[in-house]
N, C-alpha and C. Protein backbone atom coordinates (compact mmCIF):
# COMPACT_ATOMS: atom_id res chain seq x y z
N MET A 1 -22.24 4.89 25.12
CA MET A 1 -20.75 5.21 24.44
C MET A 1 -21.27 6.67 23.48
N LYS A 2 -20.16 7.49 23.86
CA LYS A 2 -20.92 9.03 22.84
C LYS A 2 -19.55 8.70 21.81
N THR A 3 -20.40 8.90 20.61
CA THR A 3 -19.29 9.03 19.68
C THR A 3 -19.46 10.41 18.80
N VAL A 4 -18.36 10.64 18.02
CA VAL A 4 -18.55 12.19 17.56
C VAL A 4 -18.51 11.46 15.89
N LEU A 5 -18.73 10.79 15.06
CA LEU A 5 -18.32 9.47 14.21
C LEU A 5 -19.28 10.83 13.10
N ARG A 6 -20.28 10.43 13.77
CA ARG A 6 -21.80 11.79 12.26
C ARG A 6 -20.56 12.97 12.33
N GLU A 7 -20.38 13.58 13.20
CA GLU A 7 -19.75 15.11 13.07
C GLU A 7 -18.30 15.11 12.05
N GLU A 8 -17.70 13.96 11.80
CA GLU A 8 -16.35 13.84 11.43
C GLU A 8 -16.72 13.00 9.91
N ARG A 9 -17.78 12.34 9.66
CA ARG A 9 -18.31 11.54 8.78
C ARG A 9 -18.67 13.20 7.63
N LYS A 10 -19.82 13.52 8.52
CA LYS A 10 -20.53 14.95 7.96
C LYS A 10 -18.89 16.04 6.96
N LYS A 11 -17.63 16.35 7.87
CA LYS A 11 -16.59 17.23 7.82
C LYS A 11 -16.22 16.56 6.47
N LYS A 12 -16.39 15.34 6.17
CA LYS A 12 -15.43 14.72 5.34
C LYS A 12 -16.36 14.60 4.12
N ARG A 13 -17.69 14.38 4.16
CA ARG A 13 -18.53 14.63 3.40
C ARG A 13 -18.88 13.09 2.60
N ILE A 14 -19.06 12.57 3.72
CA ILE A 14 -18.98 10.65 3.46
C ILE A 14 -20.70 10.52 4.00
N THR A 15 -21.26 10.09 3.20
CA THR A 15 -22.73 9.40 3.13
C THR A 15 -22.57 8.05 4.26
N GLN A 16 -23.33 7.63 4.87
CA GLN A 16 -23.41 6.90 5.94
C GLN A 16 -23.37 5.79 5.01
N GLU A 17 -24.21 5.58 3.60
CA GLU A 17 -23.87 4.59 2.84
C GLU A 17 -22.23 4.03 2.47
N GLN A 18 -22.06 5.14 1.73
CA GLN A 18 -20.66 5.25 1.50
C GLN A 18 -19.98 4.21 2.44
N LEU A 19 -19.79 5.28 3.66
CA LEU A 19 -19.03 4.74 5.36
C LEU A 19 -19.64 2.93 4.78
N ALA A 20 -20.51 2.49 5.42
CA ALA A 20 -20.66 1.71 5.24
C ALA A 20 -19.69 0.60 4.51
N GLY A 21 -20.19 1.09 3.41
CA GLY A 21 -19.07 0.07 2.19
C GLY A 21 -17.77 -0.07 2.17
N MET A 22 -17.18 1.09 2.64
CA MET A 22 -16.07 0.90 3.14
C MET A 22 -15.23 -0.19 4.26
N VAL A 23 -16.25 -0.40 4.85
CA VAL A 23 -16.07 -0.58 6.31
C VAL A 23 -16.52 -2.54 6.42
N GLY A 24 -17.28 -2.86 5.26
CA GLY A 24 -18.10 -3.59 5.40
C GLY A 24 -19.37 -4.08 6.02
N VAL A 25 -20.16 -2.98 6.16
CA VAL A 25 -21.20 -3.01 7.07
C VAL A 25 -22.98 -2.51 6.75
N SER A 26 -23.50 -2.58 7.17
CA SER A 26 -24.66 -2.16 6.14
C SER A 26 -24.78 -0.90 6.47
N ARG A 27 -26.17 0.58 5.87
CA ARG A 27 -25.94 1.44 6.54
C ARG A 27 -26.71 1.52 7.60
N GLN A 28 -27.53 0.69 8.25
CA GLN A 28 -28.75 0.92 9.20
C GLN A 28 -26.59 0.58 10.21
N SER A 29 -26.67 0.16 10.10
CA SER A 29 -25.16 -0.15 11.16
C SER A 29 -24.45 0.76 11.84
N ILE A 30 -23.78 1.70 10.09
CA ILE A 30 -23.77 2.77 11.12
C ILE A 30 -24.52 4.27 11.66
N ASN A 31 -25.64 4.18 11.00
CA ASN A 31 -26.82 4.77 11.93
C ASN A 31 -27.03 4.72 13.28
N ALA A 32 -26.76 3.02 13.55
CA ALA A 32 -26.78 2.83 15.26
C ALA A 32 -25.94 3.13 15.78
N ILE A 33 -24.82 3.24 15.35
CA ILE A 33 -23.46 3.67 15.95
C ILE A 33 -23.74 5.36 16.18
N GLU A 34 -23.78 5.99 14.87
CA GLU A 34 -24.30 7.32 14.91
C GLU A 34 -25.25 7.45 16.60
N ARG A 35 -26.16 6.74 16.45
CA ARG A 35 -27.28 7.46 17.37
C ARG A 35 -26.81 6.70 18.94
N GLY A 36 -25.81 5.74 18.74
CA GLY A 36 -25.72 5.41 20.10
C GLY A 36 -26.30 3.97 20.50
N LYS A 37 -27.05 3.57 19.58
CA LYS A 37 -27.73 2.03 19.25
C LYS A 37 -26.96 1.13 19.35
N TYR A 38 -25.99 1.41 18.66
CA TYR A 38 -24.99 0.01 18.41
C TYR A 38 -23.66 0.31 18.70
N THR A 39 -23.17 -0.76 19.84
CA THR A 39 -21.39 -0.54 19.85
C THR A 39 -20.89 -1.34 19.05
N PRO A 40 -19.33 -1.01 17.96
CA PRO A 40 -19.04 -1.13 17.23
C PRO A 40 -17.93 -2.90 17.67
N SER A 41 -17.62 -2.94 16.83
CA SER A 41 -16.63 -4.16 17.88
C SER A 41 -15.26 -3.80 17.48
N THR A 42 -14.21 -4.24 18.23
CA THR A 42 -12.76 -3.75 18.42
C THR A 42 -12.57 -3.49 17.07
N VAL A 43 -12.49 -4.13 16.41
CA VAL A 43 -12.18 -4.85 14.49
C VAL A 43 -13.24 -3.21 13.87
N LEU A 44 -14.48 -3.48 13.61
CA LEU A 44 -14.98 -2.31 13.03
C LEU A 44 -14.74 -0.82 13.59
N ALA A 45 -14.56 -0.69 14.91
CA ALA A 45 -13.48 0.62 15.33
C ALA A 45 -12.53 1.18 14.81
N LEU A 46 -11.25 0.27 14.62
CA LEU A 46 -10.61 0.07 14.16
C LEU A 46 -10.60 0.67 12.60
N LYS A 47 -11.17 0.22 11.45
CA LYS A 47 -11.45 0.28 10.59
C LYS A 47 -11.98 1.48 9.93
N ILE A 48 -12.88 2.16 10.96
CA ILE A 48 -13.34 3.26 11.11
C ILE A 48 -12.53 4.63 11.32
N SER A 49 -11.80 4.41 12.16
CA SER A 49 -10.28 5.44 12.87
C SER A 49 -9.56 5.14 11.41
N GLU A 50 -9.11 4.14 10.71
CA GLU A 50 -8.33 4.54 9.90
C GLU A 50 -8.50 5.03 8.88
N ILE A 51 -9.95 4.81 8.38
CA ILE A 51 -10.85 5.94 7.41
C ILE A 51 -10.78 7.55 7.52
N PHE A 52 -11.21 8.27 8.63
CA PHE A 52 -10.96 9.30 9.22
C PHE A 52 -9.65 9.68 10.05
N ASN A 53 -8.48 8.60 10.05
CA ASN A 53 -6.81 9.17 10.10
C ASN A 53 -7.16 9.28 11.65
N THR A 54 -7.66 8.80 12.61
CA THR A 54 -7.81 9.31 13.72
C THR A 54 -7.52 7.88 14.56
N SER A 55 -7.44 8.58 15.94
CA SER A 55 -7.86 7.13 16.91
C SER A 55 -9.51 6.69 16.75
N VAL A 56 -8.89 5.48 17.80
CA VAL A 56 -10.21 5.20 18.22
C VAL A 56 -11.29 5.62 19.39
N ASN A 57 -10.07 6.48 20.34
CA ASN A 57 -10.17 7.16 21.60
C ASN A 57 -11.16 8.47 20.96
N ARG A 58 -10.83 9.06 19.75
CA ARG A 58 -10.80 10.36 19.23
C ARG A 58 -12.27 10.09 18.69
N LEU A 59 -13.08 8.64 18.08
CA LEU A 59 -14.01 8.84 17.69
C LEU A 59 -14.93 8.32 18.73
N PHE A 60 -15.01 7.34 19.57
CA PHE A 60 -15.28 6.72 20.66
C PHE A 60 -14.82 7.24 22.04
N GLU A 61 -15.82 7.20 22.66
CA GLU A 61 -15.80 7.81 24.21
C GLU A 61 -16.83 7.00 25.13
N LEU A 62 -15.93 6.53 26.07
CA LEU A 62 -16.39 5.52 27.59
C LEU A 62 -17.51 6.94 28.25
N GLU A 63 -18.70 6.94 27.99
CA GLU A 63 -19.63 7.63 29.17
C GLU A 63 -19.13 7.33 30.67
N ALA A 64 -18.98 8.26 31.36
CA ALA A 64 -18.47 8.64 32.87
C ALA A 64 -20.33 7.72 33.33
N THR A 65 -19.97 6.57 34.01
CA THR A 65 -20.56 5.99 35.37
C THR A 65 -20.83 7.05 36.55
N ASP A 66 -21.54 7.06 37.69
CA ASP A 66 -21.90 7.62 38.77
C ASP A 66 -21.60 6.37 40.02
């Protein structure tokens, strides 16, 4: 999965720690999502998208498989 979460977070000047607190997860979880090492649950993806006032599809994108 591809994500633009890091870029969007930096635009809003929100730290990983702050975002984690807003959505109720650890900073390590946010870091793992941003690095593509962890796929967020539907509920978590929805919470994050609400904070950035955008769609889940804008933040997270499935990578094409050949």
